[in-house]
Amino acid sequence: MKYGIAIFPSKRVQDFANSYRKRYDSHYALIPPHITLKSAFEADEQQIDQIVQELQRIAAETDVIPLTITKFSSFYPSNTVIYLKVEPTETLTKLHQKLYSGIFTDQPEYAFVPHITIGRDLSDGEYFDVYGQLKMQTVHFSETTDRFHLLYQLEDGAWTVYETFRLGKEQA
């Protein structure tokens, strides 16, 4: 089965992102707005039990994470993905690194750029038009998250939460 690990921002940020995603993101119906911490990976039932235990340990030793979203940005020219930029923090970066070490032996496909995708699979013309308008907008959200989620992919391609992990030392 395919799994992934992500942070879901607040409803306010999700509503803002979805106001664009419904028009520009081909994955709009498959997953809510999120910050990917660990890209999709395969695991079986035995492995997932071990992974859940490891994620509980990682969550317990990770502080809450401040999220600051500052602007629209893009991965162009690599691809035509448009996203909301999440400012990297030491806590967020360390959490990402832990999800690619220890029992997680795979390596990230890309450098970690915290973001919330709002547009993908755009033609070049559509990308330039949309991004040209969005990059002039002022964006600022500031919040704190106290959890991340292990997700799994359904047969129809949609993602759903398998388990939620609360951050901080108070967890048993």
Protein backbone atom coordinates (compact mmCIF):
# COMPACT_ATOMS: atom_id res chain seq x y z
CA MET A 1 0.00 0.00 0.00
CA LYS A 2 1.14 3.56 -0.68
CA TYR A 3 1.65 5.92 2.28
CA GLY A 4 2.78 9.51 2.75
CA ILE A 5 3.32 11.94 5.63
CA ALA A 6 1.95 15.48 5.64
CA ILE A 7 0.87 18.47 7.71
CA PHE A 8 -2.56 19.95 7.10
CA PRO A 9 -2.66 23.70 7.76
CA SER A 10 -5.60 25.42 9.47
CA LYS A 11 -9.03 25.59 7.85
CA ARG A 12 -8.42 29.27 7.06
CA VAL A 13 -5.29 28.44 5.04
CA GLN A 14 -6.97 25.42 3.43
CA ASP A 15 -9.94 27.54 2.34
CA PHE A 16 -7.58 30.14 0.85
CA ALA A 17 -5.56 27.48 -0.99
CA ASN A 18 -8.68 25.67 -2.19
CA SER A 19 -10.06 28.87 -3.70
CA TYR A 20 -7.23 28.48 -6.25
CA ARG A 21 -6.75 24.69 -6.20
CA LYS A 22 -10.26 23.97 -7.44
CA ARG A 23 -9.32 25.74 -10.69
CA TYR A 24 -5.62 24.97 -11.04
CA ASP A 25 -4.73 21.75 -9.17
CA SER A 26 -5.51 18.43 -10.84
CA HIS A 27 -5.22 16.75 -7.41
CA TYR A 28 -7.86 19.01 -5.81
CA ALA A 29 -10.35 16.16 -5.26
CA LEU A 30 -7.68 13.67 -4.10
CA ILE A 31 -6.17 15.39 -1.05
CA PRO A 32 -6.76 18.57 0.99
CA PRO A 33 -4.15 21.36 0.93
CA HIS A 34 -1.06 20.08 2.75
CA ILE A 35 2.67 20.34 3.32
CA THR A 36 4.35 17.11 2.25
CA LEU A 37 6.88 15.90 4.83
CA LYS A 38 7.54 12.54 3.19
CA SER A 39 6.59 11.68 -0.37
CA ALA A 40 4.64 8.55 -1.24
CA PHE A 41 6.29 5.29 -0.21
CA GLU A 42 5.28 1.62 -0.20
CA ALA A 43 4.80 -0.38 3.01
CA ASP A 44 3.04 -3.59 3.99
CA GLU A 45 1.03 -4.27 7.18
CA GLN A 46 4.05 -5.47 9.16
CA GLN A 47 6.15 -2.50 8.12
CA ILE A 48 3.39 -0.01 8.88
CA ASP A 49 3.21 -1.14 12.54
CA GLN A 50 6.92 -0.41 12.92
CA ILE A 51 6.53 2.89 11.05
CA VAL A 52 3.68 3.98 13.34
CA GLN A 53 5.84 3.28 16.42
CA GLU A 54 8.71 5.26 14.92
CA LEU A 55 6.40 8.17 14.04
CA GLN A 56 5.06 8.21 17.61
CA ARG A 57 8.65 8.47 18.89
CA ILE A 58 9.52 11.22 16.39
CA ALA A 59 6.36 13.19 17.25
CA ALA A 60 7.08 12.97 20.98
CA GLU A 61 10.53 14.51 20.54
CA THR A 62 9.42 17.24 18.10
CA ASP A 63 8.16 20.63 19.26
CA VAL A 64 5.13 22.33 17.77
CA ILE A 65 5.92 23.86 14.40
CA PRO A 66 5.39 27.50 13.48
CA LEU A 67 4.06 27.87 9.94
CA THR A 68 4.50 31.15 8.11
CA ILE A 69 3.11 31.37 4.58
CA THR A 70 4.48 34.37 2.78
CA LYS A 71 3.81 34.37 -0.96
CA PHE A 72 2.95 32.53 -4.14
CA SER A 73 5.95 30.89 -5.74
CA SER A 74 6.79 28.34 -8.41
CA PHE A 75 9.15 25.51 -9.31
CA TYR A 76 9.48 26.85 -12.87
CA PRO A 77 11.47 26.04 -15.01
CA SER A 78 11.67 22.51 -13.52
CA ASN A 79 7.89 22.24 -13.77
CA THR A 80 4.80 24.44 -13.80
CA VAL A 81 3.76 23.84 -10.18
CA ILE A 82 2.54 26.98 -8.40
CA TYR A 83 2.50 26.93 -4.60
CA LEU A 84 2.13 28.88 -1.40
CA LYS A 85 5.59 29.24 0.12
CA VAL A 86 5.94 27.99 3.70
CA GLU A 87 9.00 29.55 5.31
CA PRO A 88 11.39 26.79 6.40
CA THR A 89 12.09 26.58 10.12
CA GLU A 90 14.62 24.50 12.00
CA THR A 91 11.86 22.37 13.56
CA LEU A 92 10.16 21.70 10.22
CA THR A 93 13.45 20.88 8.49
CA LYS A 94 14.57 18.54 11.29
CA LEU A 95 11.22 16.73 11.20
CA HIS A 96 11.59 16.23 7.45
CA GLN A 97 15.16 14.90 7.93
CA LYS A 98 14.00 12.40 10.58
CA LEU A 99 11.46 11.02 8.11
CA TYR A 100 14.34 10.09 5.79
CA SER A 101 16.64 8.49 8.39
CA GLY A 102 16.58 5.55 10.80
CA ILE A 103 14.02 2.98 9.61
CA PHE A 104 13.19 5.26 6.67
CA THR A 105 15.99 4.23 4.33
CA ASP A 106 14.74 5.96 1.18
CA GLN A 107 16.04 9.37 0.21
CA PRO A 108 13.98 12.40 -0.85
CA GLU A 109 13.55 12.82 -4.58
CA TYR A 110 13.84 16.61 -4.28
CA ALA A 111 15.36 19.14 -1.89
CA PHE A 112 12.89 20.00 0.89
CA VAL A 113 10.98 23.14 -0.06
CA PRO A 114 8.02 23.44 2.35
CA HIS A 115 4.97 24.47 0.34
CA ILE A 116 1.27 24.02 -0.33
CA THR A 117 0.61 23.23 -3.98
CA ILE A 118 -2.17 25.28 -5.53
CA GLY A 119 -1.58 24.58 -9.22
CA ARG A 120 -0.12 21.70 -11.21
CA ASP A 121 -0.32 20.11 -14.66
CA LEU A 122 -0.72 23.57 -16.21
CA SER A 123 0.21 24.28 -19.82
CA ASP A 124 3.02 26.81 -20.20
CA GLY A 125 0.57 29.48 -21.35
CA GLU A 126 -1.81 28.86 -18.47
CA TYR A 127 1.10 28.77 -16.00
CA PHE A 128 2.48 32.14 -17.13
CA ASP A 129 -0.97 33.74 -17.04
CA VAL A 130 -1.94 32.40 -13.61
CA TYR A 131 1.45 32.82 -11.95
CA GLY A 132 1.82 36.31 -13.37
CA GLN A 133 -1.37 37.34 -11.58
CA LEU A 134 -0.77 35.45 -8.33
CA LYS A 135 2.81 36.56 -7.67
CA MET A 136 1.62 40.17 -7.35
CA GLN A 137 -0.73 39.32 -4.49
CA THR A 138 0.18 39.83 -0.86
CA VAL A 139 -0.06 36.65 1.19
CA HIS A 140 0.62 36.26 4.89
CA PHE A 141 -0.55 33.56 7.24
CA SER A 142 1.10 32.74 10.53
CA GLU A 143 0.04 29.81 12.69
CA THR A 144 1.36 26.88 14.68
CA THR A 145 0.72 23.21 14.05
CA ASP A 146 0.86 20.53 16.72
CA ARG A 147 0.42 17.43 14.56
CA PHE A 148 1.30 15.59 11.39
CA HIS A 149 -0.48 12.75 9.63
CA LEU A 150 0.35 9.39 8.13
CA LEU A 151 -1.82 9.07 5.02
CA TYR A 152 -2.61 6.17 2.76
CA GLN A 153 -3.81 6.12 -0.81
CA LEU A 154 -7.19 4.62 -1.73
CA GLU A 155 -7.82 2.67 -4.93
CA ASP A 156 -9.32 5.75 -6.59
CA GLY A 157 -6.11 7.73 -5.97
CA ALA A 158 -7.50 9.79 -3.08
CA TRP A 159 -5.51 10.09 0.15
CA THR A 160 -6.97 9.65 3.63
CA VAL A 161 -5.56 9.80 7.17
CA TYR A 162 -4.29 6.50 8.58
CA GLU A 163 -3.10 7.99 11.88
CA THR A 164 -2.44 11.42 13.40
CA PHE A 165 0.62 12.15 15.52
CA ARG A 166 0.60 14.96 18.06
CA LEU A 167 3.85 16.85 18.56
CA GLY A 168 5.44 17.45 21.91
CA LYS A 169 6.80 15.87 25.05
CA GLU A 170 3.40 15.38 26.76
CA GLN A 171 2.56 12.41 24.52
CA ALA A 172 2.94 8.95 26.04
